Structures are given as C-alpha cells and as structure tokens.
C-alpha cells in the first residue's frame, strides 16, 4: 500500500506542469496513462472499471472534473481547459495487486477569489478529516470535522459520494462519510486503510448524474472542489500513504 500510494502521488506531481490553458483533458489522460503504464509499471485502475450493473465501464485512465463537475469527469479531446478554470485530477494505480488512490485540485491560470477560497477550504477539510483519524476514533469523527469546517465557511458537503476502504479491492468497506456526528459509526483500528475525499460545493449540496452514468455535476451549476488521500491507521495515529512532496509539512 505504501508503494502504490507513493506511485499514485507521483502521477499528480508529474502532470502539474501540463495543466495550462488550451490543453484538452484527453491529452492529460494520455500523459497520465503513459506515465502510469510505461514509467511506473502500474495499472490505471479507473480504465474499464464499473461497480454497478447498469454502469458502462469507465473509458479513461484518470478522472478530470472541471469547475461545476463534482467527480468522475471523463477526459475528452473536446474539453479544452480555459484560464480561470479549476480542475480535479483523480488518480488510482494498481501496483502488485494493491491500490493507491488520490486526487488534487489544480488552477488553470489565475482563478477567481471565490474559486481559490473554495479550493483552499476543501483542502483544509481534507486535512481536518485526516487529523481526526486515530485508533479508537470513529468514522463519525472524520465526517464531523469536515462538515463543521465546510459549513462554517458557508460551503456545503456532497453527501451522495464518500471515501471508502481500499487495498486489494478498489472500493471496499467501510464507507467514509464526509458529514456526521462525533462518536458515531465504526471505531477505527490500527491497520485499516481507507480514503478521505471530501467534495465541497460553493452552492447547495445537491448533485445530478449525467446520461453517461459517470459524470456528476452540481445541480445549481456552481463550483465544486475535491481533494483525496489514502490513509493508514497506525498505532499512534495515521499515515498519509499518498502524500506528495509539496505536502512535506504534513
């Protein structure tokens, strides 16, 4: 899991210099796919993945969610990034049978003050959720830490999607909600591995699923942001398995 997490993080570190106005999300997908397969000798977990009977296989190797897209945006050649966009790139790699899952927000040029505030608040939500992870804490403690901070900043928490257990299986138990009450839900134990991946909306929390059965957008078309890490519960607290070099302060 440590190896898979480190490799997933390296994809986000690699792709950052290519996020610029005029590039297509399809080109970002190709660059990530080639890096994952040729340089890292990994498998891109999203490619051809499906977890529901009526859901078509995901056609690309990464998710690219721009502006009001909450999650699971499908990269295309026609989607060109524009100056001022905000972009989430979600990476999951499989290395020796284990998954590493992480995502990061990117700015395309200079975002608006409101967009920057949303992105920064969402990252702080992620860190506050992670800081609640320790043996004996509960899943509700994680959700409560995220929800209270997001709502104190007058943003809303998406409730239809959540973090998840991860290891040899991409999406496993438990579900890690990004809202909740302290002291409720499953107690955390040393050795558990799961993702924390809050999706925070600038407007109301409600979302809709597009006809492609993957892309999720805000219902009111206002901005959304997401950050994600894979976390291991340790004897003394937690370890971020997908930590990037820029986050060495964590």
Protein backbone atom coordinates (compact mmCIF):
# COMPACT_ATOMS: atom_id res chain seq x y z
CA UNK A 1 0.00 0.00 0.00
CA UNK A 2 2.87 2.40 0.72
CA UNK A 3 4.41 1.70 -2.67
CA UNK A 4 1.08 2.06 -4.51
CA UNK A 5 0.31 5.28 -2.65
CA UNK A 6 3.67 6.83 -3.38
CA UNK A 7 3.39 5.97 -7.07
CA UNK A 8 -0.14 7.43 -7.31
CA UNK A 9 1.13 10.66 -5.75
CA UNK A 10 3.95 10.82 -8.29
CA UNK A 11 1.42 10.93 -11.15
CA UNK A 12 -0.10 14.12 -9.73
CA UNK A 13 3.38 15.57 -9.29
CA UNK A 14 4.23 14.73 -12.91
CA UNK A 15 1.09 16.11 -14.56
CA UNK A 16 1.01 19.51 -12.86
CA UNK A 17 3.27 21.29 -15.36
CA UNK A 18 0.96 20.24 -18.20
CA UNK A 19 -2.19 21.80 -16.69
CA UNK A 20 -2.41 25.01 -18.69
CA UNK A 21 -4.92 26.87 -20.84
CA UNK A 22 -5.64 25.19 -24.16
CA UNK A 23 -4.73 21.62 -23.24
CA UNK A 24 -7.50 19.04 -23.51
CA UNK A 25 -8.46 16.77 -20.65
CA UNK A 26 -7.97 13.94 -23.15
CA UNK A 27 -4.31 14.93 -23.53
CA UNK A 28 -3.90 14.97 -19.74
CA UNK A 29 -5.37 11.47 -19.65
CA UNK A 30 -2.92 10.22 -22.31
CA UNK A 31 0.07 11.67 -20.49
CA UNK A 32 -1.03 10.11 -17.20
CA UNK A 33 -1.82 6.76 -18.82
CA UNK A 34 1.58 6.54 -20.49
CA UNK A 35 3.37 7.53 -17.27
CA UNK A 36 1.41 5.03 -15.16
CA UNK A 37 1.94 2.14 -17.58
CA UNK A 38 5.38 2.83 -19.08
CA UNK A 39 7.23 4.63 -16.28
CA UNK A 40 5.63 3.21 -13.14
CA UNK A 41 4.76 -0.27 -14.45
CA UNK A 42 1.32 0.08 -12.87
CA UNK A 43 -2.27 -0.45 -13.97
CA UNK A 44 -4.62 2.58 -14.16
CA UNK A 45 -7.48 1.33 -12.00
CA UNK A 46 -10.27 3.50 -13.49
CA UNK A 47 -9.79 2.21 -17.06
CA UNK A 48 -12.73 -0.10 -17.90
CA UNK A 49 -13.86 -0.06 -14.25
CA UNK A 50 -17.55 -0.40 -13.33
CA UNK A 51 -19.20 -1.06 -9.98
CA UNK A 52 -22.90 -1.16 -10.92
CA UNK A 53 -24.91 -3.43 -13.23
CA UNK A 54 -26.19 -0.60 -15.47
CA UNK A 55 -22.98 1.42 -15.41
CA UNK A 56 -20.82 1.30 -18.55
CA UNK A 57 -17.08 0.75 -18.00
CA UNK A 58 -15.19 3.98 -17.34
CA UNK A 59 -13.43 4.70 -20.65
CA UNK A 60 -10.31 6.54 -19.47
CA UNK A 61 -7.38 6.13 -17.07
CA UNK A 62 -7.99 9.22 -14.90
CA UNK A 63 -10.94 11.38 -13.85
CA UNK A 64 -10.87 15.08 -14.79
CA UNK A 65 -13.55 17.20 -13.09
CA UNK A 66 -13.68 20.85 -14.19
CA UNK A 67 -15.46 23.69 -12.37
CA UNK A 68 -19.03 22.52 -11.56
CA UNK A 69 -18.20 18.84 -12.14
CA UNK A 70 -18.15 17.25 -8.69
CA UNK A 71 -16.45 13.95 -9.57
CA UNK A 72 -15.87 11.25 -12.20
CA UNK A 73 -15.48 13.63 -15.12
CA UNK A 74 -14.47 11.75 -18.29
CA UNK A 75 -11.48 13.17 -20.18
CA UNK A 76 -12.19 14.13 -23.82
CA UNK A 77 -10.38 15.75 -26.71
CA UNK A 78 -13.07 18.40 -26.98
CA UNK A 79 -12.80 19.64 -23.39
CA UNK A 80 -10.13 22.35 -23.51
CA UNK A 81 -9.05 23.99 -20.28
CA UNK A 82 -9.61 27.73 -20.06
CA UNK A 83 -7.85 30.35 -17.99
CA UNK A 84 -9.56 30.62 -14.61
CA UNK A 85 -10.82 27.01 -14.55
CA UNK A 86 -10.36 24.81 -11.51
CA UNK A 87 -9.64 21.14 -12.17
CA UNK A 88 -9.60 17.99 -10.07
CA UNK A 89 -7.43 15.14 -11.33
CA UNK A 90 -8.21 11.82 -9.64
CA UNK A 91 -5.59 9.07 -9.90
CA UNK A 92 -5.77 5.43 -8.85
CA UNK A 93 -2.98 2.99 -9.69
CA UNK A 94 -2.64 -0.72 -9.03
CA UNK A 95 0.83 -1.98 -8.13
CA UNK A 96 1.39 -5.64 -7.29
CA UNK A 97 -2.34 -6.01 -6.60
CA UNK A 98 -2.66 -3.02 -4.26
CA UNK A 99 -4.42 0.28 -4.95
CA UNK A 100 -3.22 3.83 -4.34
CA UNK A 101 -5.97 6.47 -4.70
CA UNK A 102 -5.54 10.24 -4.56
CA UNK A 103 -6.70 13.48 -6.15
CA UNK A 104 -5.63 17.09 -6.29
CA UNK A 105 -7.11 20.42 -7.37
CA UNK A 106 -5.27 22.45 -10.00
CA UNK A 107 -5.68 26.07 -11.08
CA UNK A 108 -5.65 26.86 -14.80
CA UNK A 109 -4.04 30.29 -14.81
CA UNK A 110 -5.35 32.58 -12.07
CA UNK A 111 -8.72 31.57 -10.59
CA UNK A 112 -11.26 33.96 -9.13
CA UNK A 113 -11.00 34.80 -5.45
CA UNK A 114 -14.17 32.77 -4.83
CA UNK A 115 -12.77 29.72 -6.64
CA UNK A 116 -9.47 29.90 -4.76
CA UNK A 117 -11.30 30.16 -1.44
CA UNK A 118 -13.38 27.05 -2.26
CA UNK A 119 -10.31 25.04 -3.27
CA UNK A 120 -8.32 26.06 -0.21
CA UNK A 121 -11.23 25.41 2.14
CA UNK A 122 -11.75 21.96 0.64
CA UNK A 123 -8.09 21.06 1.17
CA UNK A 124 -8.37 22.20 4.77
CA UNK A 125 -11.46 19.99 5.11
CA UNK A 126 -9.36 17.06 3.90
CA UNK A 127 -6.63 17.75 6.43
CA UNK A 128 -9.08 18.20 9.29
CA UNK A 129 -10.71 14.90 8.41
CA UNK A 130 -7.31 13.19 8.31
CA UNK A 131 -6.31 14.71 11.65
CA UNK A 132 -9.35 13.02 13.23
CA UNK A 133 -8.00 9.58 12.24
CA UNK A 134 -6.51 7.57 15.10
CA UNK A 135 -7.16 4.24 16.83
CA UNK A 136 -10.34 4.48 18.88
CA UNK A 137 -11.76 7.42 16.93
CA UNK A 138 -14.87 6.81 14.85
CA UNK A 139 -15.88 7.38 11.27
CA UNK A 140 -18.32 9.99 12.55
CA UNK A 141 -15.40 11.97 13.97
CA UNK A 142 -13.93 12.27 10.46
CA UNK A 143 -17.21 13.38 8.90
CA UNK A 144 -17.94 15.83 11.70
CA UNK A 145 -14.54 17.52 11.36
CA UNK A 146 -15.09 18.00 7.63
CA UNK A 147 -18.72 19.10 7.81
CA UNK A 148 -18.32 21.62 10.59
CA UNK A 149 -15.41 23.38 8.90
CA UNK A 150 -17.02 23.42 5.45
CA UNK A 151 -20.29 24.78 6.77
CA UNK A 152 -18.53 27.36 8.94
CA UNK A 153 -17.10 28.72 5.68
CA UNK A 154 -20.61 28.74 4.15
CA UNK A 155 -19.97 25.86 1.79
CA UNK A 156 -21.88 22.58 1.55
CA UNK A 157 -20.81 18.92 1.70
CA UNK A 158 -21.82 16.49 -1.04
CA UNK A 159 -23.49 13.50 0.60
CA UNK A 160 -24.05 11.09 -2.27
CA UNK A 161 -20.34 10.19 -2.55
CA UNK A 162 -17.83 9.32 0.13
CA UNK A 163 -14.47 7.81 0.98
CA UNK A 164 -14.02 4.07 1.06
CA UNK A 165 -11.93 1.20 2.28
CA UNK A 166 -9.11 0.31 -0.10
CA UNK A 167 -6.40 -2.29 -0.51
CA UNK A 168 -6.53 -5.21 -2.92
CA UNK A 169 -10.07 -4.01 -3.72
CA UNK A 170 -10.64 -0.55 -5.28
CA UNK A 171 -13.83 0.30 -3.36
CA UNK A 172 -14.25 -1.67 -0.14
CA UNK A 173 -15.90 -1.25 3.27
CA UNK A 174 -16.20 0.94 5.21
CA UNK A 175 -17.89 3.95 3.68
CA UNK A 176 -16.23 7.12 4.98
CA UNK A 177 -18.87 9.86 5.02
CA UNK A 178 -17.80 13.49 4.94
CA UNK A 179 -20.52 14.57 7.36
CA UNK A 180 -21.73 13.14 10.64
CA UNK A 181 -21.75 13.26 14.41
CA UNK A 182 -18.72 12.72 16.63
CA UNK A 183 -18.52 9.37 18.39
CA UNK A 184 -20.79 7.61 15.91
CA UNK A 185 -20.09 4.87 13.38
CA UNK A 186 -17.34 2.28 13.19
CA UNK A 187 -14.40 2.61 15.56
CA UNK A 188 -11.03 2.89 13.81
CA UNK A 189 -8.38 0.25 14.40
CA UNK A 190 -4.68 0.04 13.60
CA UNK A 191 -4.14 -1.42 10.14
CA UNK A 192 -7.28 -0.04 8.48
CA UNK A 193 -6.75 1.69 5.14
CA UNK A 194 -9.31 3.98 3.52
CA UNK A 195 -9.67 7.19 1.55
CA UNK A 196 -10.79 10.58 2.79
CA UNK A 197 -12.02 12.62 -0.20
CA UNK A 198 -14.41 15.47 0.64
CA UNK A 199 -16.40 17.03 -2.20
CA UNK A 200 -17.38 20.57 -1.23
CA UNK A 201 -19.78 22.79 -3.19
CA UNK A 202 -19.83 26.57 -3.40
CA UNK A 203 -23.62 26.47 -3.59
CA UNK A 204 -26.08 23.87 -2.36
CA UNK A 205 -25.01 20.28 -1.78
CA UNK A 206 -27.30 18.70 -4.37
CA UNK A 207 -25.87 16.96 -7.43
CA UNK A 208 -27.05 15.26 -10.59
CA UNK A 209 -25.71 12.34 -12.63
CA UNK A 210 -25.30 12.95 -16.36
CA UNK A 211 -26.57 10.48 -19.00
CA UNK A 212 -23.07 8.98 -19.39
CA UNK A 213 -23.72 7.34 -15.96
CA UNK A 214 -20.40 8.67 -14.61
CA UNK A 215 -20.12 12.46 -14.64
CA UNK A 216 -21.59 14.11 -11.54
CA UNK A 217 -22.26 17.88 -11.51
CA UNK A 218 -23.66 20.36 -9.03
CA UNK A 219 -27.37 20.78 -9.60
CA UNK A 220 -27.13 24.57 -9.35
CA UNK A 221 -24.05 24.67 -11.66
CA UNK A 222 -21.93 26.37 -9.01
CA UNK A 223 -18.32 25.35 -8.44
CA UNK A 224 -17.24 22.18 -6.64
CA UNK A 225 -13.83 21.06 -5.36
CA UNK A 226 -12.35 17.80 -4.08
CA UNK A 227 -9.09 16.57 -2.57
CA UNK A 228 -8.29 12.95 -1.70
CA UNK A 229 -5.69 10.90 0.15
CA UNK A 230 -5.34 7.24 1.05
CA UNK A 231 -4.89 6.90 4.82
CA UNK A 232 -3.50 4.12 7.02
CA UNK A 233 -4.49 3.94 10.69
CA UNK A 234 -1.31 3.41 12.70
CA UNK A 235 -0.63 2.58 16.33
CA UNK A 236 -0.11 6.24 17.22
CA UNK A 237 -2.38 7.96 14.70
CA UNK A 238 -2.37 7.93 10.93
CA UNK A 239 -0.10 7.84 7.89
CA UNK A 240 -0.91 9.52 4.58
CA UNK A 241 0.10 6.93 2.00
CA UNK A 242 -0.37 9.28 -0.97
CA UNK A 243 1.49 12.29 0.44
CA UNK A 244 3.13 14.49 -2.21
CA UNK A 245 6.49 16.21 -1.76
CA UNK A 246 4.79 19.62 -1.63
CA UNK A 247 2.98 18.43 1.49
CA UNK A 248 6.10 17.54 3.47
CA UNK A 249 4.82 19.78 6.28
CA UNK A 250 2.18 17.10 6.98
